[in-house]
Amino acid sequence: MRALNGLGLSFASKHLRMLWPRYCPVLDSVLHEHLDYSLNSTGYTNLARDCRIVAMYLDEQGVPNPARGNAAEWYVADVEAAVFTLVRP
């Protein structure tokens, strides 16, 4: 996505999240500043991996997902949105 002219990491990750919320989070300045994920491909990969680990754990523990009707599985984007809500000033 970043190969498109003028599309930075934050904006590209927002497009990816919209297209594939099961696998793709958004990495923007808020998460970068509060969680220290680098605003580059490595930082994005690390955030996606960490959100997937948390999503799998929540699913294994049977934690309801209010974003998807409480009975549904957790997506990477759901975890990222919850974390964003917690750290956002």
C-alpha atoms as a PDB file:
ATOM      1  CA  MET A   1       0.000   0.000   0.000  1.00  0.00           C
ATOM      2  CA  ARG A   2       2.817   2.411   0.782  1.00  0.00           C
ATOM      3  CA  ALA A   3       4.074   2.148  -2.793  1.00  0.00           C
ATOM      4  CA  LEU A   4       1.167   4.347  -3.853  1.00  0.00           C
ATOM      5  CA  ASN A   5       2.389   7.910  -4.266  1.00  0.00           C
ATOM      6  CA  GLY A   6       1.763  10.028  -1.165  1.00  0.00           C
ATOM      7  CA  LEU A   7       0.296   7.235   0.956  1.00  0.00           C
ATOM      8  CA  GLY A   8       2.101   7.184   4.298  1.00  0.00           C
ATOM      9  CA  LEU A   9       2.095   4.332   6.784  1.00  0.00           C
ATOM     10  CA  SER A  10      -0.784   5.653   8.883  1.00  0.00           C
ATOM     11  CA  PHE A  11      -3.085   6.228   5.916  1.00  0.00           C
ATOM     12  CA  ALA A  12      -2.050   2.957   4.258  1.00  0.00           C
ATOM     13  CA  SER A  13      -2.720   1.015   7.454  1.00  0.00           C
ATOM     14  CA  LYS A  14      -6.196   2.583   7.669  1.00  0.00           C
ATOM     15  CA  HIS A  15      -6.940   1.267   4.188  1.00  0.00           C
ATOM     16  CA  LEU A  16      -5.642  -2.182   5.101  1.00  0.00           C
ATOM     17  CA  ARG A  17      -7.748  -2.243   8.273  1.00  0.00           C
ATOM     18  CA  MET A  18     -10.848  -1.392   6.287  1.00  0.00           C
ATOM     19  CA  LEU A  19     -10.126  -4.152   3.754  1.00  0.00           C
ATOM     20  CA  TRP A  20      -8.879  -6.888   6.128  1.00  0.00           C
ATOM     21  CA  PRO A  21      -9.840  -6.157   9.774  1.00  0.00           C
ATOM     22  CA  ARG A  22      -9.215  -9.768  10.732  1.00  0.00           C
ATOM     23  CA  TYR A  23      -5.482  -9.288  10.070  1.00  0.00           C
ATOM     24  CA  CYS A  24      -4.678  -5.576   9.834  1.00  0.00           C
ATOM     25  CA  PRO A  25      -4.511  -2.894  12.541  1.00  0.00           C
ATOM     26  CA  VAL A  26      -3.954   0.830  12.153  1.00  0.00           C
ATOM     27  CA  LEU A  27      -0.584   2.220  13.184  1.00  0.00           C
ATOM     28  CA  ASP A  28      -0.754   5.965  13.649  1.00  0.00           C
ATOM     29  CA  SER A  29       0.950   8.613  15.755  1.00  0.00           C
ATOM     30  CA  VAL A  30      -1.174   7.823  18.836  1.00  0.00           C
ATOM     31  CA  LEU A  31      -0.055   4.199  19.064  1.00  0.00           C
ATOM     32  CA  HIS A  32       3.464   5.143  18.010  1.00  0.00           C
ATOM     33  CA  GLU A  33       3.770   7.699  20.817  1.00  0.00           C
ATOM     34  CA  HIS A  34       2.103   5.665  23.561  1.00  0.00           C
ATOM     35  CA  LEU A  35       3.315   2.156  22.706  1.00  0.00           C
ATOM     36  CA  ASP A  36       6.559   2.947  20.905  1.00  0.00           C
ATOM     37  CA  TYR A  37       5.844   1.026  17.702  1.00  0.00           C
ATOM     38  CA  SER A  38       8.051   2.430  14.942  1.00  0.00           C
ATOM     39  CA  LEU A  39       6.246   4.196  12.114  1.00  0.00           C
ATOM     40  CA  ASN A  40       7.693   1.856   9.502  1.00  0.00           C
ATOM     41  CA  SER A  41       7.073  -1.626   8.108  1.00  0.00           C
ATOM     42  CA  THR A  42       8.769  -3.317  11.054  1.00  0.00           C
ATOM     43  CA  GLY A  43       6.683  -1.404  13.576  1.00  0.00           C
ATOM     44  CA  TYR A  44       3.523  -2.244  11.664  1.00  0.00           C
ATOM     45  CA  THR A  45       4.440  -5.932  11.497  1.00  0.00           C
ATOM     46  CA  ASN A  46       5.155  -5.973  15.237  1.00  0.00           C
ATOM     47  CA  LEU A  47       1.851  -4.273  16.068  1.00  0.00           C
ATOM     48  CA  ALA A  48      -0.101  -6.681  13.840  1.00  0.00           C
ATOM     49  CA  ARG A  49       1.652  -9.669  15.462  1.00  0.00           C
ATOM     50  CA  ASP A  50       1.013  -8.400  18.988  1.00  0.00           C
ATOM     51  CA  CYS A  51      -2.655  -7.647  18.278  1.00  0.00           C
ATOM     52  CA  ARG A  52      -3.074 -11.124  16.754  1.00  0.00           C
ATOM     53  CA  ILE A  53      -1.582 -12.723  19.879  1.00  0.00           C
ATOM     54  CA  VAL A  54      -4.001 -10.788  22.082  1.00  0.00           C
ATOM     55  CA  ALA A  55      -6.956 -11.602  19.786  1.00  0.00           C
ATOM     56  CA  MET A  56      -6.123 -15.312  19.914  1.00  0.00           C
ATOM     57  CA  TYR A  57      -5.830 -15.181  23.704  1.00  0.00           C
ATOM     58  CA  LEU A  58      -9.187 -13.411  24.062  1.00  0.00           C
ATOM     59  CA  ASP A  59     -10.795 -16.017  21.797  1.00  0.00           C
ATOM     60  CA  GLU A  60      -9.235 -18.880  23.771  1.00  0.00           C
ATOM     61  CA  GLN A  61     -10.482 -17.389  27.034  1.00  0.00           C
ATOM     62  CA  GLY A  62     -13.991 -16.921  25.658  1.00  0.00           C
ATOM     63  CA  VAL A  63     -13.971 -13.172  26.221  1.00  0.00           C
ATOM     64  CA  PRO A  64     -16.994 -11.646  24.468  1.00  0.00           C
ATOM     65  CA  ASN A  65     -16.258  -9.173  21.682  1.00  0.00           C
ATOM     66  CA  PRO A  66     -18.664  -6.234  21.962  1.00  0.00           C
ATOM     67  CA  ALA A  67     -17.506  -4.888  18.586  1.00  0.00           C
ATOM     68  CA  ARG A  68     -18.844  -7.986  16.827  1.00  0.00           C
ATOM     69  CA  GLY A  69     -21.910  -8.938  18.847  1.00  0.00           C
ATOM     70  CA  ASN A  70     -20.272 -10.518  21.918  1.00  0.00           C
ATOM     71  CA  ALA A  71     -20.255 -14.058  20.530  1.00  0.00           C
ATOM     72  CA  ALA A  72     -17.913 -13.418  17.620  1.00  0.00           C
ATOM     73  CA  GLU A  73     -14.178 -13.880  17.410  1.00  0.00           C
ATOM     74  CA  TRP A  74     -11.735 -11.057  18.032  1.00  0.00           C
ATOM     75  CA  TYR A  75     -10.066  -9.507  15.001  1.00  0.00           C
ATOM     76  CA  VAL A  76      -6.698  -7.780  15.018  1.00  0.00           C
ATOM     77  CA  ALA A  77      -8.535  -4.509  14.276  1.00  0.00           C
ATOM     78  CA  ASP A  78     -10.774  -4.995  17.335  1.00  0.00           C
ATOM     79  CA  VAL A  79      -7.764  -5.347  19.627  1.00  0.00           C
ATOM     80  CA  GLU A  80      -6.084  -2.321  18.051  1.00  0.00           C
ATOM     81  CA  ALA A  81      -9.259  -0.260  18.475  1.00  0.00           C
ATOM     82  CA  ALA A  82      -9.537  -1.240  22.142  1.00  0.00           C
ATOM     83  CA  VAL A  83      -5.884  -0.356  22.777  1.00  0.00           C
ATOM     84  CA  PHE A  84      -6.279   2.927  20.884  1.00  0.00           C
ATOM     85  CA  THR A  85      -9.244   3.809  23.101  1.00  0.00           C
ATOM     86  CA  LEU A  86      -7.210   3.079  26.240  1.00  0.00           C
ATOM     87  CA  VAL A  87      -4.146   5.128  25.289  1.00  0.00           C
ATOM     88  CA  ARG A  88      -5.765   8.008  23.436  1.00  0.00           C
ATOM     89  CA  PRO A  89      -5.446  11.247  25.392  1.00  0.00           C
END
